[in-house]
Amino acid sequence: MAPPMLSRTLVTAKWLAEAVKAGRVGPGLRVLDASWYPERNARQEFKERHIPGAAFFDIEECRDLASPYDFMLPSESHFADYVGRLGVSNDTHVVVYDGDEVGTFYAPRAWWMFRAFGHNQVSVLNGGFKNWVKEGHPVTAEFSQPTPAVFKARLNRALVKTFEEMIQNVASLQFQVVDSRPEGRFRGTELDQGLESGHIPGSVNIPFHSFLSDTGHEKSIEEIQEIFREKKVDLSKPLTATCRKGVTACHVALAAYLCGKRDVAVYDGSWSEWFHRAPPRYKVSEVKRHK
């Protein structure tokens, strides 16, 4: 039975629970917990309870360890080796989820990473682990060791924007830019995790939680389309998403994908890189701070 909704972009907890119960988790279907928390131990929480058959996708390990910026994409070989050890091949359907209280936080980043490296058979568990538990589906502390697989990664550079491309776009306006951070950080009125805040000139603010319902599920396609329309974002034209460190930007990419737009790029360095590298005139803020 194929998962419902838009070529497996989202799968329901009910569908995944049936797959787990039927013993379909294996080489053809891998479930990955992509949780990460600033003040909690995601790996330890995974050990204590997770979806049966799931493996832990450690965003701290699957990144460019040499970069000064958080969570930058790893090399093709690093990604291929890492997900291969999790039992993912190029023929595997991957379902990602996380345990954040909002429903979904880091899972769209993992979803986008797989797509960026050429793997389109990847889904997000709609509603996340929070709703999996709420609906009464099974959890376990049992550790399962997946059989390693061979994964060949090829970076789709159209889905990734660099600092240089973002700088050029300030003048050329070749693509729209949506910033998914909270409004205060976008406007510059509150600190952005220790950094002075603000935004890239010409960018539009759509906080990532705008795309989530009160229950933590993705809003309907009609609601998402209306959100983009209200912000005057044209989904028929090129679009790049940004945030603090390239994570919640992936919510914008996912939301647009659900509307049929599959080519949204993510500025991987996001505000972390922009703040440190962009000239002052390219950091728009409503607050004037005196050094």
Protein backbone atom coordinates (compact mmCIF):
# COMPACT_ATOMS: atom_id res chain seq x y z
CA MET A 1 0.00 0.00 0.00
CA ALA A 2 1.54 3.37 -1.01
CA PRO A 3 1.56 6.12 1.61
CA PRO A 4 -1.07 8.79 1.09
CA MET A 5 -0.54 12.42 0.16
CA LEU A 6 1.56 13.91 -2.55
CA SER A 7 3.96 11.18 -3.55
CA ARG A 8 4.89 10.29 0.01
CA THR A 9 5.95 13.79 1.04
CA LEU A 10 4.04 13.29 4.28
CA VAL A 11 2.97 10.03 5.86
CA THR A 12 0.49 9.65 8.66
CA ALA A 13 1.16 8.00 12.00
CA LYS A 14 -1.55 5.48 11.13
CA TRP A 15 0.19 4.48 7.90
CA LEU A 16 3.59 4.15 9.57
CA ALA A 17 2.12 2.19 12.50
CA GLU A 18 0.61 -0.29 10.02
CA ALA A 19 3.98 -0.59 8.26
CA VAL A 20 5.74 -1.23 11.57
CA LYS A 21 3.13 -3.80 12.61
CA ALA A 22 3.43 -5.57 9.24
CA GLY A 23 7.20 -5.86 9.64
CA ARG A 24 7.96 -3.68 6.64
CA VAL A 25 10.71 -1.69 8.36
CA GLY A 26 13.95 -2.93 6.80
CA PRO A 27 16.00 -2.37 3.64
CA GLY A 28 12.98 -1.02 1.75
CA LEU A 29 11.70 1.25 4.54
CA ARG A 30 13.88 2.98 7.09
CA VAL A 31 12.59 5.18 9.91
CA LEU A 32 14.97 7.82 11.22
CA ASP A 33 14.66 9.90 14.38
CA ALA A 34 16.26 13.26 13.55
CA SER A 35 15.68 14.90 16.94
CA TRP A 36 18.02 17.54 18.33
CA TYR A 37 17.54 19.80 21.33
CA PRO A 38 19.68 22.67 22.66
CA GLU A 39 19.23 21.64 26.30
CA ARG A 40 18.23 17.98 26.11
CA ASN A 41 20.07 14.84 25.09
CA ALA A 42 18.27 13.67 21.96
CA ARG A 43 20.30 10.48 21.61
CA GLN A 44 19.57 9.49 25.21
CA GLU A 45 15.87 10.15 24.76
CA PHE A 46 15.96 8.02 21.60
CA LYS A 47 17.50 5.18 23.62
CA GLU A 48 14.70 5.43 26.15
CA ARG A 49 11.84 5.42 23.65
CA HIS A 50 11.42 5.60 19.90
CA ILE A 51 9.34 4.21 17.07
CA PRO A 52 10.04 0.46 16.74
CA GLY A 53 12.72 -0.24 14.16
CA ALA A 54 13.88 3.39 13.99
CA ALA A 55 17.53 4.45 13.87
CA PHE A 56 18.97 7.70 15.18
CA PHE A 57 19.97 10.30 12.59
CA ASP A 58 22.46 12.48 14.45
CA ILE A 59 22.50 15.94 12.90
CA GLU A 60 25.62 16.69 14.96
CA GLU A 61 27.49 13.93 13.14
CA CYS A 62 25.99 14.25 9.66
CA ARG A 63 27.33 17.74 8.93
CA ASP A 64 30.45 19.57 7.84
CA LEU A 65 32.53 19.17 10.99
CA ALA A 66 35.14 21.64 9.71
CA SER A 67 32.71 24.52 9.22
CA PRO A 68 32.51 27.31 11.82
CA TYR A 69 28.75 27.37 11.27
CA ASP A 70 26.22 24.95 12.74
CA PHE A 71 24.78 22.06 10.76
CA MET A 72 26.26 22.88 7.35
CA LEU A 73 25.84 20.13 4.75
CA PRO A 74 28.50 17.41 4.83
CA SER A 75 30.34 16.25 1.72
CA GLU A 76 28.72 13.75 -0.61
CA SER A 77 30.99 10.97 0.67
CA HIS A 78 30.31 11.84 4.32
CA PHE A 79 26.53 11.79 3.80
CA ALA A 80 26.66 8.59 1.75
CA ASP A 81 28.76 6.80 4.35
CA TYR A 82 26.63 8.04 7.24
CA VAL A 83 23.21 7.09 5.87
CA GLY A 84 24.60 3.86 4.46
CA ARG A 85 25.51 2.84 8.00
CA LEU A 86 21.89 3.50 8.94
CA GLY A 87 20.79 0.96 6.36
CA VAL A 88 19.68 3.44 3.71
CA SER A 89 20.32 2.63 0.06
CA ASN A 90 19.22 4.54 -3.02
CA ASP A 91 16.18 2.26 -3.19
CA THR A 92 15.07 2.84 0.40
CA HIS A 93 11.96 4.80 1.32
CA VAL A 94 13.04 6.96 4.27
CA VAL A 95 10.63 8.35 6.87
CA VAL A 96 12.02 11.02 9.19
CA TYR A 97 10.54 12.39 12.40
CA ASP A 98 11.59 14.21 15.56
CA GLY A 99 10.33 14.54 19.10
CA ASP A 100 10.00 18.29 19.38
CA GLU A 101 7.05 19.61 21.36
CA VAL A 102 5.77 21.67 18.42
CA GLY A 103 5.24 18.44 16.48
CA THR A 104 7.97 18.77 13.87
CA PHE A 105 11.17 20.82 14.06
CA TYR A 106 14.33 19.09 12.78
CA ALA A 107 12.73 16.41 10.58
CA PRO A 108 12.28 18.77 7.58
CA ARG A 109 16.04 19.46 7.70
CA ALA A 110 16.77 15.74 7.35
CA TRP A 111 14.11 15.52 4.62
CA TRP A 112 15.78 18.35 2.71
CA MET A 113 19.27 16.86 3.19
CA PHE A 114 18.20 13.61 1.56
CA ARG A 115 16.66 15.52 -1.34
CA ALA A 116 19.74 17.72 -1.66
CA PHE A 117 21.84 14.58 -2.06
CA GLY A 118 19.57 13.19 -4.77
CA HIS A 119 17.23 10.96 -2.74
CA ASN A 120 13.58 11.79 -3.35
CA GLN A 121 11.99 8.79 -1.66
CA VAL A 122 11.88 10.55 1.68
CA SER A 123 8.90 11.49 3.81
CA VAL A 124 8.17 13.43 6.98
CA LEU A 125 5.99 11.83 9.64
CA ASN A 126 3.10 14.29 9.83
CA GLY A 127 2.69 15.43 13.43
CA GLY A 128 5.96 13.94 14.59
CA PHE A 129 6.67 11.69 17.56
CA LYS A 130 4.47 13.86 19.76
CA ASN A 131 1.36 12.81 17.86
CA TRP A 132 2.62 9.25 17.35
CA VAL A 133 2.54 8.88 21.15
CA LYS A 134 -0.71 10.84 21.51
CA GLU A 135 -2.45 8.47 19.08
CA GLY A 136 -1.34 5.49 21.15
CA HIS A 137 1.11 3.91 18.70
CA PRO A 138 3.87 1.67 20.12
CA VAL A 139 7.23 2.90 21.36
CA THR A 140 10.25 0.89 22.39
CA ALA A 141 13.67 1.15 24.02
CA GLU A 142 14.86 -1.85 22.02
CA PHE A 143 17.90 -1.10 19.91
CA SER A 144 17.87 -2.36 16.34
CA GLN A 145 21.06 -2.44 14.29
CA PRO A 146 20.26 -1.96 10.60
CA THR A 147 22.23 -3.87 8.03
CA PRO A 148 24.61 -1.40 6.34
CA ALA A 149 23.74 -0.46 2.78
CA VAL A 150 25.42 1.30 -0.12
CA PHE A 151 24.19 4.82 -0.77
CA LYS A 152 25.48 6.96 -3.63
CA ALA A 153 25.07 10.69 -3.02
CA ARG A 154 25.12 13.41 -5.63
CA LEU A 155 24.58 16.97 -4.47
CA ASN A 156 21.85 18.85 -6.30
CA ARG A 157 23.36 22.33 -6.16
CA ALA A 158 20.11 23.90 -7.32
CA LEU A 159 18.69 23.19 -3.84
CA VAL A 160 21.54 24.92 -1.97
CA LYS A 161 22.45 28.60 -1.93
CA THR A 162 25.88 29.89 -0.91
CA PHE A 163 26.81 33.16 0.76
CA GLU A 164 28.15 34.48 -2.53
CA GLU A 165 24.88 33.72 -4.33
CA MET A 166 22.89 35.41 -1.57
CA ILE A 167 25.09 38.53 -1.73
CA GLN A 168 24.63 38.74 -5.51
CA ASN A 169 20.88 38.38 -5.13
CA VAL A 170 20.59 41.47 -2.95
CA ALA A 171 21.27 43.53 -6.07
CA SER A 172 20.02 41.22 -8.82
CA LEU A 173 16.80 40.00 -7.13
CA GLN A 174 16.94 36.82 -9.18
CA PHE A 175 15.05 34.90 -6.53
CA GLN A 176 12.68 35.58 -3.63
CA VAL A 177 13.94 35.00 -0.08
CA VAL A 178 11.75 33.82 2.80
CA ASP A 179 13.12 33.94 6.36
CA SER A 180 11.49 31.44 8.72
CA ARG A 181 12.68 32.88 12.05
CA PRO A 182 10.35 34.47 14.62
CA GLU A 183 9.27 38.01 13.78
CA GLY A 184 11.32 39.66 16.53
CA ARG A 185 14.53 38.12 15.28
CA PHE A 186 13.71 39.00 11.69
CA ARG A 187 12.99 42.62 12.63
CA GLY A 188 16.05 42.84 14.86
CA THR A 189 14.17 43.56 18.07
CA GLU A 190 15.36 40.44 19.93
CA LEU A 191 18.62 38.55 20.01
CA ASP A 192 18.93 35.54 17.73
CA GLN A 193 20.44 32.88 19.98
CA GLY A 194 23.15 35.22 21.18
CA LEU A 195 23.63 37.06 17.88
CA GLU A 196 22.39 40.51 17.06
CA SER A 197 19.42 39.94 14.81
CA GLY A 198 17.99 41.39 11.64
CA HIS A 199 17.49 40.13 8.12
CA ILE A 200 18.81 39.98 4.59
CA PRO A 201 17.66 42.96 2.47
CA GLY A 202 14.55 42.15 0.45
CA SER A 203 13.64 39.01 2.41
CA VAL A 204 10.12 38.22 3.61
CA ASN A 205 9.32 36.83 7.05
CA ILE A 206 7.15 33.72 7.43
CA PRO A 207 7.87 32.10 10.82
CA PHE A 208 8.08 28.34 10.36
CA HIS A 209 5.33 27.59 12.88
CA SER A 210 2.91 29.40 10.55
CA PHE A 211 2.79 26.18 8.52
CA LEU A 212 1.87 24.00 11.52
CA SER A 213 -1.57 23.52 13.00
CA ASP A 214 -2.32 23.70 16.73
CA THR A 215 -1.86 19.93 16.91
CA GLY A 216 1.58 20.04 15.29
CA HIS A 217 0.50 18.68 11.90
CA GLU A 218 1.16 20.42 8.60
CA LYS A 219 -1.63 22.75 7.62
CA SER A 220 -3.70 22.00 4.53
CA ILE A 221 -2.37 22.87 1.09
CA GLU A 222 -5.02 25.56 0.76
CA GLU A 223 -3.97 27.15 4.05
CA ILE A 224 -0.29 27.02 3.08
CA GLN A 225 -0.98 28.57 -0.30
CA GLU A 226 -2.87 31.39 1.41
CA ILE A 227 0.07 32.02 3.76
CA PHE A 228 2.39 32.47 0.78
CA ARG A 229 -0.15 34.67 -1.01
CA GLU A 230 -0.58 36.94 2.02
CA LYS A 231 3.18 37.47 2.09
CA LYS A 232 3.21 38.09 -1.69
CA VAL A 233 5.48 35.11 -2.30
CA ASP A 234 4.96 33.82 -5.84
CA LEU A 235 5.45 30.05 -5.93
CA SER A 236 5.77 30.16 -9.71
CA LYS A 237 9.06 32.04 -9.34
CA PRO A 238 12.48 31.08 -7.86
CA LEU A 239 12.50 30.93 -4.08
CA THR A 240 15.17 30.46 -1.41
CA ALA A 241 14.58 29.91 2.30
CA THR A 242 16.78 31.06 5.18
CA CYS A 243 16.66 31.06 8.98
CA ARG A 244 19.23 30.99 11.82
CA LYS A 245 21.22 27.90 10.85
CA GLY A 246 19.48 26.26 7.91
CA VAL A 247 17.02 24.16 9.91
CA THR A 248 13.61 25.84 10.07
CA ALA A 249 14.21 27.17 6.55
CA CYS A 250 13.53 23.60 5.48
CA HIS A 251 9.95 24.02 6.75
CA VAL A 252 9.50 26.63 4.04
CA ALA A 253 10.90 24.21 1.46
CA LEU A 254 8.58 21.46 2.71
CA ALA A 255 5.51 23.70 2.72
CA ALA A 256 6.21 24.87 -0.83
CA TYR A 257 6.85 21.27 -1.90
CA LEU A 258 3.41 20.30 -0.61
CA CYS A 259 2.02 23.01 -2.90
CA GLY A 260 3.81 21.44 -5.86
CA LYS A 261 6.93 23.63 -5.87
CA ARG A 262 9.84 21.23 -5.65
CA ASP A 263 12.81 23.49 -6.34
CA VAL A 264 13.02 25.71 -3.25
CA ALA A 265 16.66 26.21 -2.30
CA VAL A 266 17.95 26.63 1.25
CA TYR A 267 20.66 29.09 2.22
CA ASP A 268 22.68 26.64 4.26
CA GLY A 269 24.71 29.19 6.21
CA SER A 270 21.65 31.33 6.94
CA TRP A 271 21.86 34.15 9.52
CA SER A 272 24.76 32.45 11.35
CA GLU A 273 26.97 32.99 8.31
CA TRP A 274 25.33 36.19 7.06
CA PHE A 275 25.85 37.97 10.38
CA HIS A 276 29.56 37.20 10.40
CA ARG A 277 30.30 37.76 6.69
CA ALA A 278 27.90 40.29 5.21
CA PRO A 279 28.74 44.02 5.23
CA PRO A 280 26.78 46.11 7.77
CA ARG A 281 24.56 47.68 5.08
CA TYR A 282 23.30 44.18 4.24
CA LYS A 283 22.03 43.51 7.77
CA VAL A 284 18.63 45.16 8.10
CA SER A 285 17.47 45.83 11.65
CA GLU A 286 14.94 48.10 13.31
CA VAL A 287 17.27 48.47 16.27
CA LYS A 288 20.33 50.70 16.11
CA ARG A 289 22.92 49.37 18.50
CA HIS A 290 25.84 51.49 19.60
CA LYS A 291 29.16 49.69 19.95
